[in-house]
Amino acid sequence: LRGKVLPVGGIKEKVLAAHRAGIRTILLPKENEADIDDIPQTVRKTLHFVLLERAQEALEYALAKEQE
């Protein structure tokens, strides 16, 4: 888990589905940051986005949150 986090497609649909499922923190590739603008503002303001460049960051974030 040391590689670069690559951009993915369908961010709007994936984030809206996560929102409907009650997920409030979204981990996204940094290169998909511009796709956040496609998400309706009413949904965007209820979510916390974490932008990642390396896979290690996702692991560190998940482990830090688990301990809280």
PDB file of N, CA and C in Angstrom:
ATOM      1  N   LEU A   1       0.828  -1.199   0.000  1.00  0.00           N
ATOM      2  CA  LEU A   1       0.000   0.000   0.000  1.00  0.00           C
ATOM      3  C   LEU A   1       0.869   1.257   0.000  1.00  0.00           C
ATOM      4  N   ARG A   2       1.664   1.394  -1.007  1.00  0.00           N
ATOM      5  CA  ARG A   2       2.494   2.589  -1.101  1.00  0.00           C
ATOM      6  C   ARG A   2       2.268   3.311  -2.416  1.00  0.00           C
ATOM      7  N   GLY A   3       1.370   2.801  -3.244  1.00  0.00           N
ATOM      8  CA  GLY A   3       1.175   3.346  -4.583  1.00  0.00           C
ATOM      9  C   GLY A   3       0.332   4.588  -4.630  1.00  0.00           C
ATOM     10  N   LYS A   4       0.348   5.182  -5.799  1.00  0.00           N
ATOM     11  CA  LYS A   4      -0.423   6.386  -6.062  1.00  0.00           C
ATOM     12  C   LYS A   4      -1.908   6.033  -6.172  1.00  0.00           C
ATOM     13  N   VAL A   5      -2.760   6.884  -5.617  1.00  0.00           N
ATOM     14  CA  VAL A   5      -4.205   6.716  -5.744  1.00  0.00           C
ATOM     15  C   VAL A   5      -4.611   7.316  -7.081  1.00  0.00           C
ATOM     16  N   LEU A   6      -5.157   6.500  -7.953  1.00  0.00           N
ATOM     17  CA  LEU A   6      -5.512   6.932  -9.300  1.00  0.00           C
ATOM     18  C   LEU A   6      -6.945   7.443  -9.366  1.00  0.00           C
ATOM     19  N   PRO A   7      -7.226   8.360 -10.290  1.00  0.00           N
ATOM     20  CA  PRO A   7      -8.595   8.884 -10.426  1.00  0.00           C
ATOM     21  C   PRO A   7      -9.544   7.802 -10.921  1.00  0.00           C
ATOM     22  N   VAL A   8     -10.812   7.960 -10.558  1.00  0.00           N
ATOM     23  CA  VAL A   8     -11.849   7.016 -10.972  1.00  0.00           C
ATOM     24  C   VAL A   8     -13.003   7.801 -11.594  1.00  0.00           C
ATOM     25  N   GLY A   9     -13.871   7.108 -12.296  1.00  0.00           N
ATOM     26  CA  GLY A   9     -15.024   7.739 -12.918  1.00  0.00           C
ATOM     27  C   GLY A   9     -16.282   7.560 -12.089  1.00  0.00           C
ATOM     28  N   GLY A  10     -17.312   8.288 -12.443  1.00  0.00           N
ATOM     29  CA  GLY A  10     -18.609   8.143 -11.795  1.00  0.00           C
ATOM     30  C   GLY A  10     -18.657   8.648 -10.366  1.00  0.00           C
ATOM     31  N   ILE A  11     -17.859   9.668 -10.064  1.00  0.00           N
ATOM     32  CA  ILE A  11     -17.791  10.167  -8.681  1.00  0.00           C
ATOM     33  C   ILE A  11     -19.150  10.658  -8.194  1.00  0.00           C
ATOM     34  N   LYS A  12     -19.849  11.424  -9.002  1.00  0.00           N
ATOM     35  CA  LYS A  12     -21.146  11.967  -8.579  1.00  0.00           C
ATOM     36  C   LYS A  12     -22.092  10.845  -8.160  1.00  0.00           C
ATOM     37  N   GLU A  13     -22.217   9.830  -8.991  1.00  0.00           N
ATOM     38  CA  GLU A  13     -23.130   8.725  -8.695  1.00  0.00           C
ATOM     39  C   GLU A  13     -22.698   7.954  -7.453  1.00  0.00           C
ATOM     40  N   LYS A  14     -21.403   7.738  -7.318  1.00  0.00           N
ATOM     41  CA  LYS A  14     -20.890   6.991  -6.164  1.00  0.00           C
ATOM     42  C   LYS A  14     -21.087   7.764  -4.863  1.00  0.00           C
ATOM     43  N   VAL A  15     -20.842   9.073  -4.911  1.00  0.00           N
ATOM     44  CA  VAL A  15     -21.013   9.902  -3.714  1.00  0.00           C
ATOM     45  C   VAL A  15     -22.489   9.997  -3.340  1.00  0.00           C
ATOM     46  N   LEU A  16     -23.367  10.153  -4.313  1.00  0.00           N
ATOM     47  CA  LEU A  16     -24.803  10.218  -4.010  1.00  0.00           C
ATOM     48  C   LEU A  16     -25.290   8.906  -3.403  1.00  0.00           C
ATOM     49  N   ALA A  17     -24.796   7.780  -3.897  1.00  0.00           N
ATOM     50  CA  ALA A  17     -25.167   6.482  -3.333  1.00  0.00           C
ATOM     51  C   ALA A  17     -24.646   6.348  -1.901  1.00  0.00           C
ATOM     52  N   ALA A  18     -23.432   6.800  -1.662  1.00  0.00           N
ATOM     53  CA  ALA A  18     -22.871   6.758  -0.300  1.00  0.00           C
ATOM     54  C   ALA A  18     -23.697   7.640   0.636  1.00  0.00           C
ATOM     55  N   HIS A  19     -24.088   8.805   0.160  1.00  0.00           N
ATOM     56  CA  HIS A  19     -24.902   9.721   0.961  1.00  0.00           C
ATOM     57  C   HIS A  19     -26.233   9.078   1.333  1.00  0.00           C
ATOM     58  N   ARG A  20     -26.878   8.428   0.362  1.00  0.00           N
ATOM     59  CA  ARG A  20     -28.154   7.738   0.644  1.00  0.00           C
ATOM     60  C   ARG A  20     -27.963   6.614   1.653  1.00  0.00           C
ATOM     61  N   ALA A  21     -26.785   6.008   1.670  1.00  0.00           N
ATOM     62  CA  ALA A  21     -26.501   4.906   2.600  1.00  0.00           C
ATOM     63  C   ALA A  21     -26.085   5.415   3.980  1.00  0.00           C
ATOM     64  N   GLY A  22     -25.976   6.738   4.141  1.00  0.00           N
ATOM     65  CA  GLY A  22     -25.639   7.299   5.449  1.00  0.00           C
ATOM     66  C   GLY A  22     -24.158   7.522   5.669  1.00  0.00           C
ATOM     67  N   ILE A  23     -23.355   7.361   4.654  1.00  0.00           N
ATOM     68  CA  ILE A  23     -21.911   7.596   4.783  1.00  0.00           C
ATOM     69  C   ILE A  23     -21.672   9.099   4.727  1.00  0.00           C
ATOM     70  N   ARG A  24     -20.867   9.611   5.629  1.00  0.00           N
ATOM     71  CA  ARG A  24     -20.647  11.055   5.714  1.00  0.00           C
ATOM     72  C   ARG A  24     -19.200  11.466   5.406  1.00  0.00           C
ATOM     73  N   THR A  25     -18.273  10.537   5.380  1.00  0.00           N
ATOM     74  CA  THR A  25     -16.884  10.832   5.045  1.00  0.00           C
ATOM     75  C   THR A  25     -16.535  10.092   3.767  1.00  0.00           C
ATOM     76  N   ILE A  26     -16.039  10.837   2.791  1.00  0.00           N
ATOM     77  CA  ILE A  26     -15.731  10.289   1.481  1.00  0.00           C
ATOM     78  C   ILE A  26     -14.234  10.423   1.229  1.00  0.00           C
ATOM     79  N   LEU A  27     -13.568   9.308   0.956  1.00  0.00           N
ATOM     80  CA  LEU A  27     -12.159   9.320   0.579  1.00  0.00           C
ATOM     81  C   LEU A  27     -12.099   9.308  -0.943  1.00  0.00           C
ATOM     82  N   LEU A  28     -11.443  10.317  -1.512  1.00  0.00           N
ATOM     83  CA  LEU A  28     -11.375  10.457  -2.962  1.00  0.00           C
ATOM     84  C   LEU A  28      -9.932  10.647  -3.415  1.00  0.00           C
ATOM     85  N   PRO A  29      -9.625  10.194  -4.616  1.00  0.00           N
ATOM     86  CA  PRO A  29      -8.327  10.536  -5.192  1.00  0.00           C
ATOM     87  C   PRO A  29      -8.222  12.050  -5.378  1.00  0.00           C
ATOM     88  N   LYS A  30      -7.089  12.619  -5.082  1.00  0.00           N
ATOM     89  CA  LYS A  30      -6.879  14.069  -5.226  1.00  0.00           C
ATOM     90  C   LYS A  30      -7.196  14.524  -6.649  1.00  0.00           C
ATOM     91  N   GLU A  31      -6.884  13.686  -7.632  1.00  0.00           N
ATOM     92  CA  GLU A  31      -7.131  14.044  -9.028  1.00  0.00           C
ATOM     93  C   GLU A  31      -8.624  14.140  -9.365  1.00  0.00           C
ATOM     94  N   ASN A  32      -9.504  13.666  -8.493  1.00  0.00           N
ATOM     95  CA  ASN A  32     -10.944  13.773  -8.701  1.00  0.00           C
ATOM     96  C   ASN A  32     -11.551  14.974  -7.968  1.00  0.00           C
ATOM     97  N   GLU A  33     -10.722  15.843  -7.452  1.00  0.00           N
ATOM     98  CA  GLU A  33     -11.212  16.985  -6.675  1.00  0.00           C
ATOM     99  C   GLU A  33     -12.207  17.840  -7.475  1.00  0.00           C
ATOM    100  N   ALA A  34     -11.962  18.048  -8.738  1.00  0.00           N
ATOM    101  CA  ALA A  34     -12.853  18.866  -9.567  1.00  0.00           C
ATOM    102  C   ALA A  34     -14.240  18.239  -9.691  1.00  0.00           C
ATOM    103  N   ASP A  35     -14.340  16.924  -9.554  1.00  0.00           N
ATOM    104  CA  ASP A  35     -15.628  16.238  -9.672  1.00  0.00           C
ATOM    105  C   ASP A  35     -16.563  16.553  -8.502  1.00  0.00           C
ATOM    106  N   ILE A  36     -16.028  17.059  -7.418  1.00  0.00           N
ATOM    107  CA  ILE A  36     -16.858  17.411  -6.258  1.00  0.00           C
ATOM    108  C   ILE A  36     -17.863  18.498  -6.642  1.00  0.00           C
ATOM    109  N   ASP A  37     -17.473  19.366  -7.581  1.00  0.00           N
ATOM    110  CA  ASP A  37     -18.369  20.443  -8.015  1.00  0.00           C
ATOM    111  C   ASP A  37     -19.628  19.920  -8.699  1.00  0.00           C
ATOM    112  N   ASP A  38     -19.598  18.691  -9.202  1.00  0.00           N
ATOM    113  CA  ASP A  38     -20.763  18.093  -9.868  1.00  0.00           C
ATOM    114  C   ASP A  38     -21.817  17.601  -8.874  1.00  0.00           C
ATOM    115  N   ILE A  39     -21.451  17.502  -7.618  1.00  0.00           N
ATOM    116  CA  ILE A  39     -22.360  16.998  -6.578  1.00  0.00           C
ATOM    117  C   ILE A  39     -23.223  18.168  -6.092  1.00  0.00           C
ATOM    118  N   PRO A  40     -24.527  17.974  -5.980  1.00  0.00           N
ATOM    119  CA  PRO A  40     -25.392  19.072  -5.520  1.00  0.00           C
ATOM    120  C   PRO A  40     -24.906  19.652  -4.186  1.00  0.00           C
ATOM    121  N   GLN A  41     -24.975  20.964  -4.076  1.00  0.00           N
ATOM    122  CA  GLN A  41     -24.475  21.648  -2.882  1.00  0.00           C
ATOM    123  C   GLN A  41     -25.173  21.166  -1.612  1.00  0.00           C
ATOM    124  N   THR A  42     -26.458  20.851  -1.693  1.00  0.00           N
ATOM    125  CA  THR A  42     -27.182  20.391  -0.510  1.00  0.00           C
ATOM    126  C   THR A  42     -26.587  19.093   0.033  1.00  0.00           C
ATOM    127  N   VAL A  43     -26.087  18.251  -0.850  1.00  0.00           N
ATOM    128  CA  VAL A  43     -25.439  17.002  -0.440  1.00  0.00           C
ATOM    129  C   VAL A  43     -24.011  17.283  -0.007  1.00  0.00           C
ATOM    130  N   ARG A  44     -23.292  18.103  -0.790  1.00  0.00           N
ATOM    131  CA  ARG A  44     -21.888  18.415  -0.513  1.00  0.00           C
ATOM    132  C   ARG A  44     -21.673  18.963   0.885  1.00  0.00           C
ATOM    133  N   LYS A  45     -22.568  19.836   1.331  1.00  0.00           N
ATOM    134  CA  LYS A  45     -22.343  20.475   2.632  1.00  0.00           C
ATOM    135  C   LYS A  45     -22.582  19.524   3.809  1.00  0.00           C
ATOM    136  N   THR A  46     -23.151  18.348   3.569  1.00  0.00           N
ATOM    137  CA  THR A  46     -23.348  17.376   4.647  1.00  0.00           C
ATOM    138  C   THR A  46     -22.226  16.351   4.698  1.00  0.00           C
ATOM    139  N   LEU A  47     -21.278  16.441   3.764  1.00  0.00           N
ATOM    140  CA  LEU A  47     -20.220  15.439   3.659  1.00  0.00           C
ATOM    141  C   LEU A  47     -18.849  16.022   3.988  1.00  0.00           C
ATOM    142  N   HIS A  48     -17.951  15.143   4.395  1.00  0.00           N
ATOM    143  CA  HIS A  48     -16.549  15.508   4.631  1.00  0.00           C
ATOM    144  C   HIS A  48     -15.724  14.751   3.600  1.00  0.00           C
ATOM    145  N   PHE A  49     -14.994  15.488   2.762  1.00  0.00           N
ATOM    146  CA  PHE A  49     -14.170  14.875   1.725  1.00  0.00           C
ATOM    147  C   PHE A  49     -12.717  14.853   2.163  1.00  0.00           C
ATOM    148  N   VAL A  50     -12.082  13.701   2.009  1.00  0.00           N
ATOM    149  CA  VAL A  50     -10.660  13.537   2.277  1.00  0.00           C
ATOM    150  C   VAL A  50     -10.012  13.197   0.943  1.00  0.00           C
ATOM    151  N   LEU A  51      -9.124  14.079   0.478  1.00  0.00           N
ATOM    152  CA  LEU A  51      -8.478  13.893  -0.815  1.00  0.00           C
ATOM    153  C   LEU A  51      -7.121  13.231  -0.617  1.00  0.00           C
ATOM    154  N   LEU A  52      -6.906  12.145  -1.341  1.00  0.00           N
ATOM    155  CA  LEU A  52      -5.720  11.310  -1.148  1.00  0.00           C
ATOM    156  C   LEU A  52      -4.843  11.267  -2.388  1.00  0.00           C
ATOM    157  N   GLU A  53      -3.536  11.234  -2.161  1.00  0.00           N
ATOM    158  CA  GLU A  53      -2.582  11.063  -3.259  1.00  0.00           C
ATOM    159  C   GLU A  53      -1.925   9.682  -3.217  1.00  0.00           C
ATOM    160  N   ARG A  54      -1.777   9.113  -2.037  1.00  0.00           N
ATOM    161  CA  ARG A  54      -1.093   7.829  -1.870  1.00  0.00           C
ATOM    162  C   ARG A  54      -1.998   6.869  -1.091  1.00  0.00           C
ATOM    163  N   ALA A  55      -1.907   5.593  -1.415  1.00  0.00           N
ATOM    164  CA  ALA A  55      -2.716   4.573  -0.739  1.00  0.00           C
ATOM    165  C   ALA A  55      -2.436   4.546   0.760  1.00  0.00           C
ATOM    166  N   GLN A  56      -1.209   4.819   1.146  1.00  0.00           N
ATOM    167  CA  GLN A  56      -0.828   4.830   2.564  1.00  0.00           C
ATOM    168  C   GLN A  56      -1.664   5.845   3.349  1.00  0.00           C
ATOM    169  N   GLU A  57      -2.022   6.962   2.719  1.00  0.00           N
ATOM    170  CA  GLU A  57      -2.830   7.988   3.384  1.00  0.00           C
ATOM    171  C   GLU A  57      -4.209   7.440   3.750  1.00  0.00           C
ATOM    172  N   ALA A  58      -4.784   6.639   2.881  1.00  0.00           N
ATOM    173  CA  ALA A  58      -6.098   6.049   3.157  1.00  0.00           C
ATOM    174  C   ALA A  58      -6.017   5.129   4.360  1.00  0.00           C
ATOM    175  N   LEU A  59      -4.976   4.327   4.407  1.00  0.00           N
ATOM    176  CA  LEU A  59      -4.789   3.414   5.531  1.00  0.00           C
ATOM    177  C   LEU A  59      -4.587   4.188   6.828  1.00  0.00           C
ATOM    178  N   GLU A  60      -3.738   5.199   6.787  1.00  0.00           N
ATOM    179  CA  GLU A  60      -3.489   6.012   7.989  1.00  0.00           C
ATOM    180  C   GLU A  60      -4.765   6.698   8.459  1.00  0.00           C
ATOM    181  N   TYR A  61      -5.554   7.220   7.540  1.00  0.00           N
ATOM    182  CA  TYR A  61      -6.798   7.883   7.904  1.00  0.00           C
ATOM    183  C   TYR A  61      -7.770   6.896   8.545  1.00  0.00           C
ATOM    184  N   ALA A  62      -7.903   5.735   7.931  1.00  0.00           N
ATOM    185  CA  ALA A  62      -8.830   4.722   8.462  1.00  0.00           C
ATOM    186  C   ALA A  62      -8.415   4.265   9.853  1.00  0.00           C
ATOM    187  N   LEU A  63      -7.146   4.037  10.075  1.00  0.00           N
ATOM    188  CA  LEU A  63      -6.681   3.580  11.381  1.00  0.00           C
ATOM    189  C   LEU A  63      -6.808   4.674  12.434  1.00  0.00           C
ATOM    190  N   ALA A  64      -6.550   5.910  12.067  1.00  0.00           N
ATOM    191  CA  ALA A  64      -6.676   7.015  13.020  1.00  0.00           C
ATOM    192  C   ALA A  64      -8.143   7.189  13.419  1.00  0.00           C
ATOM    193  N   LYS A  65      -9.060   7.090  12.492  1.00  0.00           N
ATOM    194  CA  LYS A  65     -10.481   7.232  12.787  1.00  0.00           C
ATOM    195  C   LYS A  65     -10.992   6.074  13.634  1.00  0.00           C
ATOM    196  N   GLU A  66     -10.453   4.888  13.414  1.00  0.00           N
ATOM    197  CA  GLU A  66     -10.894   3.721  14.155  1.00  0.00           C
ATOM    198  C   GLU A  66     -10.594   3.841  15.638  1.00  0.00           C
ATOM    199  N   GLN A  67      -9.519   4.535  15.985  1.00  0.00           N
ATOM    200  CA  GLN A  67      -9.104   4.660  17.379  1.00  0.00           C
ATOM    201  C   GLN A  67      -9.883   5.723  18.126  1.00  0.00           C
ATOM    202  N   GLU A  68     -10.577   6.622  17.428  1.00  0.00           N
ATOM    203  CA  GLU A  68     -11.316   7.695  18.105  1.00  0.00           C
ATOM    204  C   GLU A  68     -12.559   7.174  18.778  1.00  0.00           C
TER     205      GLU A  68
END
